[in-house]
Amino acid sequence: MRQRNSYTKSFKAQVIHECLQPGVSVAAIAMSHGINANVVRRWLPLYRDQPVATLPAFIPLKVESKPVAQASAIIELPIGQQTLTVKWPISDPEGCARLIRGLTQ
């Protein structure tokens, strides 16, 4: 037994709206939606005068920015029997160079 499709009222109204545009055929619109043209023709008198459900062209979204992790360099300096590990932001190479010179003098 074949199951019947069910379509929302807004979908039917949209299809009918497309069918009412100048120069289009009901059969072509029906085929583009995968619907039998006879089904769409039955909808015509029922949905012809109903407003089409439309979405706004612009939907405002709230975007929250998260702090971006800064790229950093990891420097390992052997000092005697131990190793000193320094994580330094790559946005400050001069400061890193001063630190390393100060530690090695």
Protein backbone atom coordinates (compact mmCIF):
# COMPACT_ATOMS: atom_id res chain seq x y z
CA MET A 1 0.00 0.00 0.00
CA ARG A 2 1.39 3.42 -0.98
CA GLN A 3 1.68 6.05 1.72
CA ARG A 4 0.28 9.50 0.99
CA ASN A 5 2.54 12.50 1.38
CA SER A 6 1.57 15.29 3.72
CA TYR A 7 2.61 18.87 3.06
CA THR A 8 2.45 21.87 5.37
CA LYS A 9 0.13 24.75 4.57
CA SER A 10 3.07 27.13 4.18
CA PHE A 11 4.72 24.74 1.67
CA LYS A 12 1.49 24.46 -0.34
CA ALA A 13 1.10 28.25 -0.33
CA GLN A 14 4.70 28.64 -1.52
CA VAL A 15 4.18 26.18 -4.39
CA ILE A 16 0.96 27.95 -5.42
CA HIS A 17 2.74 31.30 -5.25
CA GLU A 18 5.39 29.93 -7.64
CA CYS A 19 2.66 28.61 -9.96
CA LEU A 20 1.01 32.04 -10.15
CA GLN A 21 4.15 33.75 -11.49
CA PRO A 22 3.88 34.89 -15.12
CA GLY A 23 5.12 32.43 -17.74
CA VAL A 24 5.49 29.33 -15.55
CA SER A 25 3.66 26.05 -15.92
CA VAL A 26 2.02 24.24 -13.03
CA ALA A 27 3.53 20.98 -14.26
CA ALA A 28 7.07 22.41 -14.23
CA ILE A 29 6.69 23.80 -10.71
CA ALA A 30 5.18 20.53 -9.50
CA MET A 31 8.03 18.53 -11.03
CA SER A 32 10.64 20.82 -9.49
CA HIS A 33 9.19 19.93 -6.07
CA GLY A 34 8.70 16.26 -6.87
CA ILE A 35 4.89 16.53 -6.73
CA ASN A 36 2.29 15.32 -9.23
CA ALA A 37 0.83 18.27 -11.15
CA ASN A 38 -2.73 17.11 -10.45
CA VAL A 39 -2.08 17.45 -6.71
CA VAL A 40 -0.87 21.02 -7.18
CA ARG A 41 -3.89 21.83 -9.36
CA ARG A 42 -6.15 20.70 -6.50
CA TRP A 43 -4.33 23.11 -4.18
CA LEU A 44 -4.79 26.11 -6.49
CA PRO A 45 -8.31 27.13 -5.41
CA LEU A 46 -7.56 26.40 -1.74
CA TYR A 47 -4.29 28.34 -1.37
CA ARG A 48 -4.39 30.91 -4.19
CA ASP A 49 -5.35 33.85 -1.98
CA GLN A 50 -3.35 32.99 1.12
CA PRO A 51 -0.23 34.97 1.97
CA VAL A 52 3.06 33.21 1.41
CA ALA A 53 5.10 32.48 4.53
CA THR A 54 8.37 34.27 3.97
CA LEU A 55 11.55 34.48 5.95
CA PRO A 56 13.22 37.81 6.57
CA ALA A 57 16.13 38.54 4.27
CA PHE A 58 18.33 39.31 7.27
CA ILE A 59 18.30 37.47 10.55
CA PRO A 60 20.42 39.18 13.20
CA LEU A 61 22.64 36.84 15.15
CA LYS A 62 24.42 37.44 18.40
CA VAL A 63 27.99 36.24 18.08
CA GLU A 64 30.09 35.96 21.16
CA SER A 65 33.79 36.22 20.61
CA LYS A 66 36.07 34.06 22.63
CA PRO A 67 39.61 35.15 23.39
CA VAL A 68 42.01 33.71 20.88
CA ALA A 69 44.94 31.88 22.38
CA GLN A 70 48.10 33.70 21.46
CA ALA A 71 50.76 31.69 19.71
CA SER A 72 53.81 31.27 21.86
CA ALA A 73 57.30 29.88 21.60
CA ILE A 74 58.53 27.31 24.08
CA ILE A 75 62.22 27.72 24.84
CA GLU A 76 64.19 25.22 26.91
CA LEU A 77 67.42 26.47 28.43
CA PRO A 78 69.78 24.01 30.12
CA ILE A 79 71.08 25.47 33.36
CA GLY A 80 73.46 23.09 35.11
CA GLN A 81 71.59 19.85 35.91
CA GLN A 82 68.18 21.43 35.26
CA THR A 83 66.29 22.80 32.30
CA LEU A 84 64.44 26.09 32.41
CA THR A 85 61.36 26.10 30.17
CA VAL A 86 60.01 29.46 29.08
CA LYS A 87 56.76 29.97 27.20
CA TRP A 88 56.92 33.36 25.48
CA PRO A 89 54.39 35.03 23.16
CA ILE A 90 55.73 35.24 19.62
CA SER A 91 54.31 38.76 19.36
CA ASP A 92 57.23 39.97 21.55
CA PRO A 93 60.48 38.59 20.09
CA GLU A 94 62.60 41.48 21.43
CA GLY A 95 61.45 40.87 24.99
CA CYS A 96 62.24 37.16 24.65
CA ALA A 97 65.72 37.96 23.35
CA ARG A 98 66.36 40.31 26.31
CA LEU A 99 65.24 37.58 28.75
CA ILE A 100 67.53 34.98 27.22
CA ARG A 101 70.51 37.37 27.12
CA GLY A 102 69.91 38.29 30.75
CA LEU A 103 69.79 34.62 31.79
CA THR A 104 72.92 33.63 29.91
CA GLN A 105 75.18 36.47 31.05
